[in-house]
PDB file of N, CA and C in Angstrom:
ATOM      1  N   MET A   1      99.702-194.508  20.485  1.00  0.00           N
ATOM      2  CA  MET A   1      99.607-195.952  20.419  1.00  0.00           C
ATOM      3  C   MET A   1     100.811-196.604  21.084  1.00  0.00           C
ATOM      4  N   LYS A   2     101.904-195.891  21.084  1.00  0.00           N
ATOM      5  CA  LYS A   2     103.081-196.395  21.767  1.00  0.00           C
ATOM      6  C   LYS A   2     102.763-196.592  23.250  1.00  0.00           C
ATOM      7  N   GLU A   3     102.012-195.666  23.816  1.00  0.00           N
ATOM      8  CA  GLU A   3     101.630-195.761  25.226  1.00  0.00           C
ATOM      9  C   GLU A   3     100.737-196.959  25.482  1.00  0.00           C
ATOM     10  N   LEU A   4      99.868-197.288  24.539  1.00  0.00           N
ATOM     11  CA  LEU A   4      98.986-198.448  24.670  1.00  0.00           C
ATOM     12  C   LEU A   4      99.801-199.735  24.755  1.00  0.00           C
ATOM     13  N   ILE A   5     100.773-199.885  23.881  1.00  0.00           N
ATOM     14  CA  ILE A   5     101.620-201.081  23.882  1.00  0.00           C
ATOM     15  C   ILE A   5     102.407-201.168  25.182  1.00  0.00           C
ATOM     16  N   GLU A   6     102.979-200.043  25.616  1.00  0.00           N
ATOM     17  CA  GLU A   6     103.730-200.033  26.874  1.00  0.00           C
ATOM     18  C   GLU A   6     102.840-200.410  28.055  1.00  0.00           C
ATOM     19  N   TYR A   7     101.653-199.868  28.098  1.00  0.00           N
ATOM     20  CA  TYR A   7     100.724-200.139  29.195  1.00  0.00           C
ATOM     21  C   TYR A   7     100.385-201.626  29.279  1.00  0.00           C
ATOM     22  N   ILE A   8     100.058-202.223  28.165  1.00  0.00           N
ATOM     23  CA  ILE A   8      99.700-203.646  28.146  1.00  0.00           C
ATOM     24  C   ILE A   8     100.906-204.498  28.541  1.00  0.00           C
ATOM     25  N   ALA A   9     102.054-204.208  27.958  1.00  0.00           N
ATOM     26  CA  ALA A   9     103.249-205.005  28.233  1.00  0.00           C
ATOM     27  C   ALA A   9     103.669-204.890  29.698  1.00  0.00           C
ATOM     28  N   ARG A  10     103.630-203.687  30.263  1.00  0.00           N
ATOM     29  CA  ARG A  10     104.021-203.507  31.654  1.00  0.00           C
ATOM     30  C   ARG A  10     103.082-204.249  32.609  1.00  0.00           C
ATOM     31  N   ALA A  11     101.818-204.387  32.231  1.00  0.00           N
ATOM     32  CA  ALA A  11     100.861-205.098  33.078  1.00  0.00           C
ATOM     33  C   ALA A  11     101.109-206.607  33.072  1.00  0.00           C
ATOM     34  N   ILE A  12     101.729-207.111  32.027  1.00  0.00           N
ATOM     35  CA  ILE A  12     101.922-208.555  31.868  1.00  0.00           C
ATOM     36  C   ILE A  12     103.232-209.041  32.481  1.00  0.00           C
ATOM     37  N   VAL A  13     104.301-208.281  32.331  1.00  0.00           N
ATOM     38  CA  VAL A  13     105.637-208.763  32.663  1.00  0.00           C
ATOM     39  C   VAL A  13     105.973-208.618  34.152  1.00  0.00           C
ATOM     40  N   ASP A  14     107.033-209.328  34.569  1.00  0.00           N
ATOM     41  CA  ASP A  14     107.530-209.234  35.940  1.00  0.00           C
ATOM     42  C   ASP A  14     108.486-208.057  36.126  1.00  0.00           C
ATOM     43  N   ASN A  15     109.124-207.631  35.053  1.00  0.00           N
ATOM     44  CA  ASN A  15     110.087-206.520  35.094  1.00  0.00           C
ATOM     45  C   ASN A  15     109.581-205.357  34.233  1.00  0.00           C
ATOM     46  N   PRO A  16     108.609-204.587  34.731  1.00  0.00           N
ATOM     47  CA  PRO A  16     108.029-203.522  33.897  1.00  0.00           C
ATOM     48  C   PRO A  16     109.012-202.400  33.557  1.00  0.00           C
ATOM     49  N   ASP A  17     110.084-202.256  34.340  1.00  0.00           N
ATOM     50  CA  ASP A  17     111.053-201.201  34.049  1.00  0.00           C
ATOM     51  C   ASP A  17     111.889-201.495  32.813  1.00  0.00           C
ATOM     52  N   GLU A  18     111.897-202.738  32.370  1.00  0.00           N
ATOM     53  CA  GLU A  18     112.695-203.119  31.208  1.00  0.00           C
ATOM     54  C   GLU A  18     111.893-203.158  29.910  1.00  0.00           C
ATOM     55  N   VAL A  19     110.675-202.671  29.942  1.00  0.00           N
ATOM     56  CA  VAL A  19     109.841-202.627  28.734  1.00  0.00           C
ATOM     57  C   VAL A  19     110.237-201.408  27.920  1.00  0.00           C
ATOM     58  N   ARG A  20     110.544-201.613  26.660  1.00  0.00           N
ATOM     59  CA  ARG A  20     110.924-200.534  25.742  1.00  0.00           C
ATOM     60  C   ARG A  20     110.109-200.676  24.458  1.00  0.00           C
ATOM     61  N   VAL A  21     109.581-199.555  24.001  1.00  0.00           N
ATOM     62  CA  VAL A  21     108.847-199.537  22.733  1.00  0.00           C
ATOM     63  C   VAL A  21     109.420-198.407  21.901  1.00  0.00           C
ATOM     64  N   ARG A  22     109.772-198.736  20.675  1.00  0.00           N
ATOM     65  CA  ARG A  22     110.218-197.681  19.764  1.00  0.00           C
ATOM     66  C   ARG A  22     109.363-197.734  18.507  1.00  0.00           C
ATOM     67  N   GLU A  23     109.265-196.612  17.871  1.00  0.00           N
ATOM     68  CA  GLU A  23     108.361-196.428  16.739  1.00  0.00           C
ATOM     69  C   GLU A  23     109.169-196.060  15.501  1.00  0.00           C
ATOM     70  N   GLU A  24     108.788-196.645  14.370  1.00  0.00           N
ATOM     71  CA  GLU A  24     109.495-196.359  13.122  1.00  0.00           C
ATOM     72  C   GLU A  24     108.464-196.273  12.001  1.00  0.00           C
ATOM     73  N   GLU A  25     108.552-195.233  11.210  1.00  0.00           N
ATOM     74  CA  GLU A  25     107.639-195.069  10.074  1.00  0.00           C
ATOM     75  C   GLU A  25     108.310-195.531   8.801  1.00  0.00           C
ATOM     76  N   GLN A  26     107.574-196.324   8.035  1.00  0.00           N
ATOM     77  CA  GLN A  26     108.048-196.776   6.731  1.00  0.00           C
ATOM     78  C   GLN A  26     106.910-196.589   5.748  1.00  0.00           C
ATOM     79  N   GLY A  27     106.949-195.488   5.043  1.00  0.00           N
ATOM     80  CA  GLY A  27     105.873-195.191   4.101  1.00  0.00           C
ATOM     81  C   GLY A  27     104.586-194.911   4.854  1.00  0.00           C
ATOM     82  N   ASP A  28     103.537-195.652   4.531  1.00  0.00           N
ATOM     83  CA  ASP A  28     102.254-195.471   5.216  1.00  0.00           C
ATOM     84  C   ASP A  28     102.070-196.456   6.372  1.00  0.00           C
ATOM     85  N   THR A  29     103.141-197.126   6.758  1.00  0.00           N
ATOM     86  CA  THR A  29     103.098-198.105   7.847  1.00  0.00           C
ATOM     87  C   THR A  29     103.912-197.606   9.031  1.00  0.00           C
ATOM     88  N   VAL A  30     103.354-197.777  10.220  1.00  0.00           N
ATOM     89  CA  VAL A  30     104.078-197.469  11.451  1.00  0.00           C
ATOM     90  C   VAL A  30     104.388-198.806  12.123  1.00  0.00           C
ATOM     91  N   ILE A  31     105.661-199.049  12.385  1.00  0.00           N
ATOM     92  CA  ILE A  31     106.081-200.303  13.010  1.00  0.00           C
ATOM     93  C   ILE A  31     106.521-199.989  14.433  1.00  0.00           C
ATOM     94  N   TYR A  32     105.976-200.743  15.375  1.00  0.00           N
ATOM     95  CA  TYR A  32     106.335-200.605  16.778  1.00  0.00           C
ATOM     96  C   TYR A  32     107.159-201.820  17.169  1.00  0.00           C
ATOM     97  N   TYR A  33     108.297-201.557  17.796  1.00  0.00           N
ATOM     98  CA  TYR A  33     109.190-202.618  18.247  1.00  0.00           C
ATOM     99  C   TYR A  33     109.098-202.693  19.763  1.00  0.00           C
ATOM    100  N   LEU A  34     108.704-203.845  20.282  1.00  0.00           N
ATOM    101  CA  LEU A  34     108.569-204.062  21.715  1.00  0.00           C
ATOM    102  C   LEU A  34     109.717-204.924  22.201  1.00  0.00           C
ATOM    103  N   GLU A  35     110.435-204.420  23.191  1.00  0.00           N
ATOM    104  CA  GLU A  35     111.548-205.167  23.786  1.00  0.00           C
ATOM    105  C   GLU A  35     111.266-205.328  25.272  1.00  0.00           C
ATOM    106  N   VAL A  36     111.401-206.559  25.773  1.00  0.00           N
ATOM    107  CA  VAL A  36     111.217-206.853  27.188  1.00  0.00           C
ATOM    108  C   VAL A  36     112.406-207.681  27.659  1.00  0.00           C
ATOM    109  N   ALA A  37     112.487-207.886  28.968  1.00  0.00           N
ATOM    110  CA  ALA A  37     113.555-208.723  29.518  1.00  0.00           C
ATOM    111  C   ALA A  37     113.382-210.151  29.010  1.00  0.00           C
ATOM    112  N   GLU A  38     114.489-210.846  28.846  1.00  0.00           N
ATOM    113  CA  GLU A  38     114.462-212.214  28.310  1.00  0.00           C
ATOM    114  C   GLU A  38     113.516-213.150  29.072  1.00  0.00           C
ATOM    115  N   PRO A  39     113.491-213.131  30.417  1.00  0.00           N
ATOM    116  CA  PRO A  39     112.570-214.038  31.125  1.00  0.00           C
ATOM    117  C   PRO A  39     111.092-213.710  30.895  1.00  0.00           C
ATOM    118  N   ASP A  40     110.798-212.473  30.483  1.00  0.00           N
ATOM    119  CA  ASP A  40     109.416-212.059  30.263  1.00  0.00           C
ATOM    120  C   ASP A  40     108.931-212.279  28.832  1.00  0.00           C
ATOM    121  N   MET A  41     109.811-212.715  27.959  1.00  0.00           N
ATOM    122  CA  MET A  41     109.448-212.865  26.550  1.00  0.00           C
ATOM    123  C   MET A  41     108.268-213.821  26.371  1.00  0.00           C
ATOM    124  N   GLY A  42     108.281-214.937  27.084  1.00  0.00           N
ATOM    125  CA  GLY A  42     107.189-215.903  26.967  1.00  0.00           C
ATOM    126  C   GLY A  42     105.864-215.350  27.436  1.00  0.00           C
ATOM    127  N   LYS A  43     105.877-214.492  28.432  1.00  0.00           N
ATOM    128  CA  LYS A  43     104.638-213.896  28.934  1.00  0.00           C
ATOM    129  C   LYS A  43     104.029-212.950  27.918  1.00  0.00           C
ATOM    130  N   VAL A  44     104.880-212.222  27.208  1.00  0.00           N
ATOM    131  CA  VAL A  44     104.383-211.272  26.218  1.00  0.00           C
ATOM    132  C   VAL A  44     103.851-212.003  24.989  1.00  0.00           C
ATOM    133  N   ILE A  45     104.485-213.100  24.625  1.00  0.00           N
ATOM    134  CA  ILE A  45     104.042-213.850  23.448  1.00  0.00           C
ATOM    135  C   ILE A  45     102.826-214.704  23.784  1.00  0.00           C
ATOM    136  N   GLY A  46     102.847-215.383  24.921  1.00  0.00           N
ATOM    137  CA  GLY A  46     101.709-216.201  25.338  1.00  0.00           C
ATOM    138  C   GLY A  46     101.712-217.557  24.661  1.00  0.00           C
ATOM    139  N   LYS A  47     100.820-218.416  25.135  1.00  0.00           N
ATOM    140  CA  LYS A  47     100.708-219.753  24.542  1.00  0.00           C
ATOM    141  C   LYS A  47     100.208-219.643  23.112  1.00  0.00           C
ATOM    142  N   GLN A  48     100.948-220.238  22.216  1.00  0.00           N
ATOM    143  CA  GLN A  48     100.651-220.238  20.779  1.00  0.00           C
ATOM    144  C   GLN A  48     100.495-218.824  20.224  1.00  0.00           C
ATOM    145  N   GLY A  49     101.145-217.851  20.873  1.00  0.00           N
ATOM    146  CA  GLY A  49     101.127-216.482  20.379  1.00  0.00           C
ATOM    147  C   GLY A  49      99.835-215.734  20.599  1.00  0.00           C
ATOM    148  N   ARG A  50      99.014-216.199  21.502  1.00  0.00           N
ATOM    149  CA  ARG A  50      97.693-215.578  21.685  1.00  0.00           C
ATOM    150  C   ARG A  50      97.776-214.157  22.219  1.00  0.00           C
ATOM    151  N   ILE A  51      98.640-213.908  23.191  1.00  0.00           N
ATOM    152  CA  ILE A  51      98.751-212.559  23.752  1.00  0.00           C
ATOM    153  C   ILE A  51      99.340-211.612  22.714  1.00  0.00           C
ATOM    154  N   ALA A  52     100.360-212.061  21.999  1.00  0.00           N
ATOM    155  CA  ALA A  52     100.960-211.226  20.959  1.00  0.00           C
ATOM    156  C   ALA A  52      99.935-210.903  19.872  1.00  0.00           C
ATOM    157  N   ASN A  53      99.145-211.869  19.471  1.00  0.00           N
ATOM    158  CA  ASN A  53      98.124-211.629  18.455  1.00  0.00           C
ATOM    159  C   ASN A  53      97.047-210.684  18.962  1.00  0.00           C
ATOM    160  N   ALA A  54      96.684-210.784  20.243  1.00  0.00           N
ATOM    161  CA  ALA A  54      95.693-209.874  20.816  1.00  0.00           C
ATOM    162  C   ALA A  54      96.238-208.449  20.853  1.00  0.00           C
ATOM    163  N   MET A  55      97.513-208.295  21.203  1.00  0.00           N
ATOM    164  CA  MET A  55      98.124-206.966  21.203  1.00  0.00           C
ATOM    165  C   MET A  55      98.166-206.385  19.790  1.00  0.00           C
ATOM    166  N   ARG A  56      98.456-207.216  18.810  1.00  0.00           N
ATOM    167  CA  ARG A  56      98.480-206.748  17.420  1.00  0.00           C
ATOM    168  C   ARG A  56      97.086-206.337  16.962  1.00  0.00           C
ATOM    169  N   ALA A  57      96.064-207.078  17.376  1.00  0.00           N
ATOM    170  CA  ALA A  57      94.690-206.738  17.003  1.00  0.00           C
ATOM    171  C   ALA A  57      94.283-205.403  17.617  1.00  0.00           C
ATOM    172  N   LEU A  58      94.612-205.187  18.886  1.00  0.00           N
ATOM    173  CA  LEU A  58      94.306-203.907  19.519  1.00  0.00           C
ATOM    174  C   LEU A  58      95.040-202.761  18.843  1.00  0.00           C
ATOM    175  N   LEU A  59      96.267-203.000  18.455  1.00  0.00           N
ATOM    176  CA  LEU A  59      97.046-201.977  17.764  1.00  0.00           C
ATOM    177  C   LEU A  59      96.409-201.612  16.423  1.00  0.00           C
ATOM    178  N   LYS A  60      95.953-202.606  15.698  1.00  0.00           N
ATOM    179  CA  LYS A  60      95.318-202.338  14.402  1.00  0.00           C
ATOM    180  C   LYS A  60      94.024-201.554  14.562  1.00  0.00           C
ATOM    181  N   VAL A  61      93.254-201.867  15.597  1.00  0.00           N
ATOM    182  CA  VAL A  61      92.017-201.124  15.853  1.00  0.00           C
ATOM    183  C   VAL A  61      92.330-199.678  16.217  1.00  0.00           C
ATOM    184  N   ALA A  62      93.330-199.481  17.091  1.00  0.00           N
ATOM    185  CA  ALA A  62      93.726-198.128  17.480  1.00  0.00           C
ATOM    186  C   ALA A  62      94.232-197.337  16.273  1.00  0.00           C
ATOM    187  N   ALA A  63      94.977-197.991  15.397  1.00  0.00           N
ATOM    188  CA  ALA A  63      95.480-197.319  14.192  1.00  0.00           C
ATOM    189  C   ALA A  63      94.336-196.918  13.273  1.00  0.00           C
ATOM    190  N   ALA A  64      93.366-197.787  13.122  1.00  0.00           N
ATOM    191  CA  ALA A  64      92.220-197.487  12.262  1.00  0.00           C
ATOM    192  C   ALA A  64      91.428-196.308  12.824  1.00  0.00           C
ATOM    193  N   ARG A  65      91.293-196.245  14.134  1.00  0.00           N
ATOM    194  CA  ARG A  65      90.554-195.149  14.750  1.00  0.00           C
ATOM    195  C   ARG A  65      91.288-193.819  14.586  1.00  0.00           C
ATOM    196  N   ARG A  66      92.605-193.858  14.488  1.00  0.00           N
ATOM    197  CA  ARG A  66      93.387-192.639  14.306  1.00  0.00           C
ATOM    198  C   ARG A  66      93.582-192.283  12.844  1.00  0.00           C
ATOM    199  N   GLY A  67      93.105-193.104  11.952  1.00  0.00           N
ATOM    200  CA  GLY A  67      93.196-192.812  10.537  1.00  0.00           C
ATOM    201  C   GLY A  67      94.488-193.265   9.882  1.00  0.00           C
ATOM    202  N   LEU A  68      95.281-194.061  10.570  1.00  0.00           N
ATOM    203  CA  LEU A  68      96.495-194.591   9.961  1.00  0.00           C
ATOM    204  C   LEU A  68      96.137-195.791   9.088  1.00  0.00           C
ATOM    205  N   ARG A  69      96.889-195.999   8.053  1.00  0.00           N
ATOM    206  CA  ARG A  69      96.590-197.108   7.162  1.00  0.00           C
ATOM    207  C   ARG A  69      97.002-198.443   7.752  1.00  0.00           C
ATOM    208  N   ARG A  70      98.240-198.531   8.246  1.00  0.00           N
ATOM    209  CA  ARG A  70      98.734-199.790   8.775  1.00  0.00           C
ATOM    210  C   ARG A  70      99.592-199.557   9.994  1.00  0.00           C
ATOM    211  N   ALA A  71      99.502-200.485  10.932  1.00  0.00           N
ATOM    212  CA  ALA A  71     100.382-200.481  12.103  1.00  0.00           C
ATOM    213  C   ALA A  71     100.785-201.917  12.360  1.00  0.00           C
ATOM    214  N   SER A  72     102.035-202.102  12.738  1.00  0.00           N
ATOM    215  CA  SER A  72     102.569-203.435  12.930  1.00  0.00           C
ATOM    216  C   SER A  72     103.325-203.475  14.254  1.00  0.00           C
ATOM    217  N   LEU A  73     103.320-204.646  14.910  1.00  0.00           N
ATOM    218  CA  LEU A  73     104.034-204.831  16.164  1.00  0.00           C
ATOM    219  C   LEU A  73     105.039-205.953  16.011  1.00  0.00           C
ATOM    220  N   GLU A  74     106.299-205.643  16.287  1.00  0.00           N
ATOM    221  CA  GLU A  74     107.367-206.624  16.274  1.00  0.00           C
ATOM    222  C   GLU A  74     107.839-206.821  17.706  1.00  0.00           C
ATOM    223  N   ILE A  75     107.907-208.072  18.154  1.00  0.00           N
ATOM    224  CA  ILE A  75     108.309-208.363  19.515  1.00  0.00           C
ATOM    225  C   ILE A  75     109.690-208.994  19.496  1.00  0.00           C
ATOM    226  N   GLY A  76     110.558-208.502  20.340  1.00  0.00           N
ATOM    227  CA  GLY A  76     111.920-209.027  20.389  1.00  0.00           C
ATOM    228  C   GLY A  76     112.889-208.023  19.830  1.00  0.00           C
ATOM    229  N   GLU A  77     113.929-208.504  19.204  1.00  0.00           N
ATOM    230  CA  GLU A  77     114.991-207.632  18.728  1.00  0.00           C
ATOM    231  C   GLU A  77     114.689-207.078  17.393  1.00  0.00           C
TER     232      GLU A  77
END
């Protein structure tokens, strides 16, 4: 799923080399942290958070298909 987030983020931003995703497990939840270059932050979030919400929805579907209970996406620091 980390690859899915990286793929989507790299397709959106102007600086794909600066996309970083790290994964952290907390109990039955997997949290993914997405970091992009400062000028690309608005592109990843989108107007009224629509792109960020779409990425979170895709992540939840992918997690459900893999049998994970919860997956979360944090954008920024």
